[in-house]
Amino acid sequence: MSPIVMMFSATQIVDSTVASFARFSDEFAENAGILSAQNSIYVSPDGKYRIHYLDVIRDDGGRELRTPARINSRTGIIEIAKKYYIRHTVGGRKWTNWHEFSHLWRNREQANELEADKNAIMIYLALGNPTIEAYNGVLRIFRNSPSNLNRKRYDELNKFIREATGKINNQQLKQAA
């Protein structure tokens, strides 16, 4: 049996923005269940990224939003709602973090959700995370807001994940041969 060849690891990432966020994001996702969420602010070691950890996220009118996370495009601060975020697996949390990161630091069109999904999936999978967790991250978000638009978005992402993992698997087979 051939060994599994990983495409990347956090230490091999050339892009300093992605490498810096990867370490911070992973640590936060792994420890979210024990971290305080009472309006706590967590800052990456390099000071570039900030997570405002809240019990819940509220809109300007004070109404609770059912989203696990969002990013402020002006400040770059990621808001995370512990109530919804900790319901995800650690892998799902990592995918959520990459989605929010992508809005500001990877997307060509900041507000484009599908573009952020795809960027998050590519980074997430390239770091060697399991494919099933990419699906879980996507499905948990859509479960809270079912619609024809989200069904179409899921279908697009399903196709995207299948194509991405097929390319990665083919490269791994070539490298192992």
C-alpha atoms as a PDB file:
ATOM      1  CA  MET A   1       0.000   0.000   0.000  1.00  0.00           C
ATOM      2  CA  SER A   2       1.318   3.484  -0.896  1.00  0.00           C
ATOM      3  CA  PRO A   3       1.588   6.211   1.730  1.00  0.00           C
ATOM      4  CA  ILE A   4      -0.700   9.230   1.536  1.00  0.00           C
ATOM      5  CA  VAL A   5       1.238  12.195   0.218  1.00  0.00           C
ATOM      6  CA  MET A   6       0.076  15.512   1.633  1.00  0.00           C
ATOM      7  CA  MET A   7       0.019  18.407  -0.804  1.00  0.00           C
ATOM      8  CA  PHE A   8       0.872  21.068   1.782  1.00  0.00           C
ATOM      9  CA  SER A   9       1.328  21.616   5.464  1.00  0.00           C
ATOM     10  CA  ALA A  10       1.111  24.847   7.425  1.00  0.00           C
ATOM     11  CA  THR A  11       4.930  25.036   7.496  1.00  0.00           C
ATOM     12  CA  GLN A  12       5.143  24.824   3.691  1.00  0.00           C
ATOM     13  CA  ILE A  13       2.789  27.697   2.918  1.00  0.00           C
ATOM     14  CA  VAL A  14       4.598  30.370   0.934  1.00  0.00           C
ATOM     15  CA  ASP A  15       1.926  33.054   1.315  1.00  0.00           C
ATOM     16  CA  SER A  16       2.676  34.742   4.644  1.00  0.00           C
ATOM     17  CA  THR A  17      -0.916  35.973   5.017  1.00  0.00           C
ATOM     18  CA  VAL A  18      -2.303  32.440   4.770  1.00  0.00           C
ATOM     19  CA  ALA A  19       0.474  30.951   6.936  1.00  0.00           C
ATOM     20  CA  SER A  20      -0.054  33.501   9.696  1.00  0.00           C
ATOM     21  CA  PHE A  21      -3.826  33.057   9.734  1.00  0.00           C
ATOM     22  CA  ALA A  22      -3.534  29.232   9.577  1.00  0.00           C
ATOM     23  CA  ARG A  23      -1.725  28.989  12.893  1.00  0.00           C
ATOM     24  CA  PHE A  24      -4.046  31.489  14.616  1.00  0.00           C
ATOM     25  CA  SER A  25      -7.215  30.001  13.109  1.00  0.00           C
ATOM     26  CA  ASP A  26      -6.332  26.401  13.961  1.00  0.00           C
ATOM     27  CA  GLU A  27      -5.511  27.236  17.561  1.00  0.00           C
ATOM     28  CA  PHE A  28      -8.740  29.197  17.977  1.00  0.00           C
ATOM     29  CA  ALA A  29     -10.897  26.474  16.356  1.00  0.00           C
ATOM     30  CA  GLU A  30      -9.318  23.763  18.527  1.00  0.00           C
ATOM     31  CA  ASN A  31      -9.808  25.708  21.770  1.00  0.00           C
ATOM     32  CA  ALA A  32     -13.111  27.503  21.098  1.00  0.00           C
ATOM     33  CA  GLY A  33     -15.044  25.324  23.512  1.00  0.00           C
ATOM     34  CA  ILE A  34     -12.955  26.401  26.501  1.00  0.00           C
ATOM     35  CA  LEU A  35     -12.320  30.022  25.519  1.00  0.00           C
ATOM     36  CA  SER A  36     -14.365  32.837  27.009  1.00  0.00           C
ATOM     37  CA  ALA A  37     -16.883  34.378  24.638  1.00  0.00           C
ATOM     38  CA  GLN A  38     -18.062  37.252  26.767  1.00  0.00           C
ATOM     39  CA  ASN A  39     -17.069  39.916  24.253  1.00  0.00           C
ATOM     40  CA  SER A  40     -13.490  38.634  24.328  1.00  0.00           C
ATOM     41  CA  ILE A  41     -11.048  39.705  21.641  1.00  0.00           C
ATOM     42  CA  TYR A  42      -8.358  37.267  20.518  1.00  0.00           C
ATOM     43  CA  VAL A  43      -5.428  38.623  18.506  1.00  0.00           C
ATOM     44  CA  SER A  44      -2.988  36.673  16.343  1.00  0.00           C
ATOM     45  CA  PRO A  45       0.646  36.677  17.521  1.00  0.00           C
ATOM     46  CA  ASP A  46       1.612  39.034  14.674  1.00  0.00           C
ATOM     47  CA  GLY A  47      -1.302  41.379  15.510  1.00  0.00           C
ATOM     48  CA  LYS A  48      -2.729  41.145  11.995  1.00  0.00           C
ATOM     49  CA  TYR A  49      -5.931  39.200  12.769  1.00  0.00           C
ATOM     50  CA  ARG A  50      -8.574  39.703  15.431  1.00  0.00           C
ATOM     51  CA  ILE A  51     -11.475  37.524  16.501  1.00  0.00           C
ATOM     52  CA  HIS A  52     -14.223  39.108  18.559  1.00  0.00           C
ATOM     53  CA  TYR A  53     -15.693  36.101  20.371  1.00  0.00           C
ATOM     54  CA  LEU A  54     -19.292  36.735  21.374  1.00  0.00           C
ATOM     55  CA  ASP A  55     -22.010  34.633  22.937  1.00  0.00           C
ATOM     56  CA  VAL A  56     -24.168  35.545  19.901  1.00  0.00           C
ATOM     57  CA  ILE A  57     -23.873  38.008  17.018  1.00  0.00           C
ATOM     58  CA  ARG A  58     -26.526  40.729  16.903  1.00  0.00           C
ATOM     59  CA  ASP A  59     -27.585  43.064  14.112  1.00  0.00           C
ATOM     60  CA  ASP A  60     -27.738  46.842  14.546  1.00  0.00           C
ATOM     61  CA  GLY A  61     -31.268  46.517  15.964  1.00  0.00           C
ATOM     62  CA  GLY A  62     -30.108  44.090  18.686  1.00  0.00           C
ATOM     63  CA  ARG A  63     -31.700  41.015  17.102  1.00  0.00           C
ATOM     64  CA  GLU A  64     -29.740  37.762  17.347  1.00  0.00           C
ATOM     65  CA  LEU A  65     -28.334  36.480  14.062  1.00  0.00           C
ATOM     66  CA  ARG A  66     -28.152  32.730  13.496  1.00  0.00           C
ATOM     67  CA  THR A  67     -24.748  32.858  11.834  1.00  0.00           C
ATOM     68  CA  PRO A  68     -21.673  31.342  13.473  1.00  0.00           C
ATOM     69  CA  ALA A  69     -19.387  34.044  12.062  1.00  0.00           C
ATOM     70  CA  ARG A  70     -19.039  37.170   9.973  1.00  0.00           C
ATOM     71  CA  ILE A  71     -16.260  39.607   9.101  1.00  0.00           C
ATOM     72  CA  ASN A  72     -16.279  43.378   9.163  1.00  0.00           C
ATOM     73  CA  SER A  73     -14.874  44.404   5.779  1.00  0.00           C
ATOM     74  CA  ARG A  74     -13.815  47.791   7.127  1.00  0.00           C
ATOM     75  CA  THR A  75     -11.925  46.655  10.257  1.00  0.00           C
ATOM     76  CA  GLY A  76     -11.058  43.068   9.301  1.00  0.00           C
ATOM     77  CA  ILE A  77     -12.348  41.840  12.664  1.00  0.00           C
ATOM     78  CA  ILE A  78     -13.982  38.413  12.533  1.00  0.00           C
ATOM     79  CA  GLU A  79     -16.969  38.081  14.842  1.00  0.00           C
ATOM     80  CA  ILE A  80     -17.710  34.552  16.029  1.00  0.00           C
ATOM     81  CA  ALA A  81     -20.856  33.493  17.916  1.00  0.00           C
ATOM     82  CA  LYS A  82     -19.938  30.789  20.413  1.00  0.00           C
ATOM     83  CA  LYS A  83     -23.566  29.582  20.594  1.00  0.00           C
ATOM     84  CA  TYR A  84     -23.436  28.404  16.966  1.00  0.00           C
ATOM     85  CA  TYR A  85     -19.694  27.968  16.393  1.00  0.00           C
ATOM     86  CA  ILE A  86     -19.100  25.289  19.028  1.00  0.00           C
ATOM     87  CA  ARG A  87     -21.834  23.131  17.490  1.00  0.00           C
ATOM     88  CA  HIS A  88     -19.438  22.556  14.600  1.00  0.00           C
ATOM     89  CA  THR A  89     -16.631  20.021  14.616  1.00  0.00           C
ATOM     90  CA  VAL A  90     -13.113  21.434  14.878  1.00  0.00           C
ATOM     91  CA  GLY A  91     -12.743  20.883  11.117  1.00  0.00           C
ATOM     92  CA  GLY A  92     -16.013  22.694  10.458  1.00  0.00           C
ATOM     93  CA  ARG A  93     -14.825  25.587  12.610  1.00  0.00           C
ATOM     94  CA  LYS A  94     -11.595  25.796  10.625  1.00  0.00           C
ATOM     95  CA  TRP A  95     -13.576  25.880   7.376  1.00  0.00           C
ATOM     96  CA  THR A  96     -15.779  28.657   8.789  1.00  0.00           C
ATOM     97  CA  ASN A  97     -12.682  30.676   9.724  1.00  0.00           C
ATOM     98  CA  TRP A  98     -11.241  30.262   6.220  1.00  0.00           C
ATOM     99  CA  HIS A  99     -14.541  31.373   4.721  1.00  0.00           C
ATOM    100  CA  GLU A 100     -14.490  34.620   6.704  1.00  0.00           C
ATOM    101  CA  PHE A 101     -10.769  35.129   6.012  1.00  0.00           C
ATOM    102  CA  SER A 102     -11.410  34.699   2.286  1.00  0.00           C
ATOM    103  CA  HIS A 103     -13.960  37.513   2.135  1.00  0.00           C
ATOM    104  CA  LEU A 104     -11.282  40.072   2.940  1.00  0.00           C
ATOM    105  CA  TRP A 105      -7.938  38.522   2.048  1.00  0.00           C
ATOM    106  CA  ARG A 106      -8.688  36.243  -0.937  1.00  0.00           C
ATOM    107  CA  ASN A 107     -11.881  37.259  -2.716  1.00  0.00           C
ATOM    108  CA  ARG A 108     -11.767  39.510  -5.747  1.00  0.00           C
ATOM    109  CA  GLU A 109     -15.334  40.541  -4.856  1.00  0.00           C
ATOM    110  CA  GLN A 110     -15.445  40.847  -1.042  1.00  0.00           C
ATOM    111  CA  ALA A 111     -19.179  40.257  -0.588  1.00  0.00           C
ATOM    112  CA  ASN A 112     -19.333  37.190  -2.854  1.00  0.00           C
ATOM    113  CA  GLU A 113     -20.308  34.222  -0.661  1.00  0.00           C
ATOM    114  CA  LEU A 114     -19.672  31.560  -3.300  1.00  0.00           C
ATOM    115  CA  GLU A 115     -16.207  32.941  -3.995  1.00  0.00           C
ATOM    116  CA  ALA A 116     -15.445  32.907  -0.246  1.00  0.00           C
ATOM    117  CA  ASP A 117     -16.723  29.312  -0.054  1.00  0.00           C
ATOM    118  CA  LYS A 118     -14.471  28.202  -2.898  1.00  0.00           C
ATOM    119  CA  ASN A 119     -11.415  30.012  -1.562  1.00  0.00           C
ATOM    120  CA  ALA A 120     -12.031  28.515   1.881  1.00  0.00           C
ATOM    121  CA  ILE A 121     -12.377  25.022   0.445  1.00  0.00           C
ATOM    122  CA  MET A 122      -9.152  25.277  -1.564  1.00  0.00           C
ATOM    123  CA  ILE A 123      -7.083  26.509   1.388  1.00  0.00           C
ATOM    124  CA  TYR A 124      -8.739  24.078   3.791  1.00  0.00           C
ATOM    125  CA  LEU A 125      -8.127  21.046   1.568  1.00  0.00           C
ATOM    126  CA  ALA A 126      -4.604  22.144   0.597  1.00  0.00           C
ATOM    127  CA  LEU A 127      -3.697  22.144   4.296  1.00  0.00           C
ATOM    128  CA  GLY A 128      -4.560  18.446   4.413  1.00  0.00           C
ATOM    129  CA  ASN A 129      -7.891  18.729   6.198  1.00  0.00           C
ATOM    130  CA  PRO A 130     -10.506  16.022   5.550  1.00  0.00           C
ATOM    131  CA  THR A 131     -12.898  16.483   2.654  1.00  0.00           C
ATOM    132  CA  ILE A 132     -15.889  15.420   4.758  1.00  0.00           C
ATOM    133  CA  GLU A 133     -15.316  18.407   7.032  1.00  0.00           C
ATOM    134  CA  ALA A 134     -15.437  20.773   4.056  1.00  0.00           C
ATOM    135  CA  TYR A 135     -18.871  19.308   3.308  1.00  0.00           C
ATOM    136  CA  ASN A 136     -19.910  19.548   6.956  1.00  0.00           C
ATOM    137  CA  GLY A 137     -18.905  23.210   7.087  1.00  0.00           C
ATOM    138  CA  VAL A 138     -20.974  24.006   4.030  1.00  0.00           C
ATOM    139  CA  LEU A 139     -24.001  21.947   5.047  1.00  0.00           C
ATOM    140  CA  ARG A 140     -24.209  23.349   8.590  1.00  0.00           C
ATOM    141  CA  ILE A 141     -24.415  26.888   7.234  1.00  0.00           C
ATOM    142  CA  PHE A 142     -27.116  26.021   4.718  1.00  0.00           C
ATOM    143  CA  ARG A 143     -29.148  24.006   7.219  1.00  0.00           C
ATOM    144  CA  ASN A 144     -29.928  27.207   9.134  1.00  0.00           C
ATOM    145  CA  SER A 145     -31.241  28.985   6.045  1.00  0.00           C
ATOM    146  CA  PRO A 146     -32.712  26.632   3.434  1.00  0.00           C
ATOM    147  CA  SER A 147     -33.592  28.251   0.121  1.00  0.00           C
ATOM    148  CA  ASN A 148     -33.389  27.599  -3.605  1.00  0.00           C
ATOM    149  CA  LEU A 149     -30.382  29.923  -3.759  1.00  0.00           C
ATOM    150  CA  ASN A 150     -28.548  27.956  -1.063  1.00  0.00           C
ATOM    151  CA  ARG A 151     -29.445  24.657  -2.781  1.00  0.00           C
ATOM    152  CA  LYS A 152     -27.901  26.004  -5.974  1.00  0.00           C
ATOM    153  CA  ARG A 153     -24.859  27.192  -3.992  1.00  0.00           C
ATOM    154  CA  TYR A 154     -24.498  23.739  -2.394  1.00  0.00           C
ATOM    155  CA  ASP A 155     -24.709  22.011  -5.796  1.00  0.00           C
ATOM    156  CA  GLU A 156     -21.979  24.314  -7.123  1.00  0.00           C
ATOM    157  CA  LEU A 157     -19.755  23.644  -4.092  1.00  0.00           C
ATOM    158  CA  ASN A 158     -20.334  19.897  -4.262  1.00  0.00           C
ATOM    159  CA  LYS A 159     -19.106  19.922  -7.860  1.00  0.00           C
ATOM    160  CA  PHE A 160     -16.182  22.162  -6.888  1.00  0.00           C
ATOM    161  CA  ILE A 161     -15.102  19.871  -4.008  1.00  0.00           C
ATOM    162  CA  ARG A 162     -15.318  16.765  -6.203  1.00  0.00           C
ATOM    163  CA  GLU A 163     -13.184  18.406  -8.897  1.00  0.00           C
ATOM    164  CA  ALA A 164     -10.650  19.769  -6.378  1.00  0.00           C
ATOM    165  CA  THR A 165     -10.235  16.464  -4.548  1.00  0.00           C
ATOM    166  CA  GLY A 166      -9.975  14.592  -7.839  1.00  0.00           C
ATOM    167  CA  LYS A 167      -7.082  16.827  -8.908  1.00  0.00           C
ATOM    168  CA  ILE A 168      -5.341  16.470  -5.539  1.00  0.00           C
ATOM    169  CA  ASN A 169      -5.770  12.678  -5.561  1.00  0.00           C
ATOM    170  CA  ASN A 170      -4.439  12.418  -9.127  1.00  0.00           C
ATOM    171  CA  GLN A 171      -1.355  14.477  -8.188  1.00  0.00           C
ATOM    172  CA  GLN A 172      -0.776  12.295  -5.129  1.00  0.00           C
ATOM    173  CA  LEU A 173      -0.936   9.138  -7.228  1.00  0.00           C
ATOM    174  CA  LYS A 174       1.595  10.551  -9.682  1.00  0.00           C
ATOM    175  CA  GLN A 175       3.959  11.562  -6.847  1.00  0.00           C
ATOM    176  CA  ALA A 176       3.720   8.154  -5.160  1.00  0.00           C
ATOM    177  CA  ALA A 177       4.452   6.266  -8.407  1.00  0.00           C
END
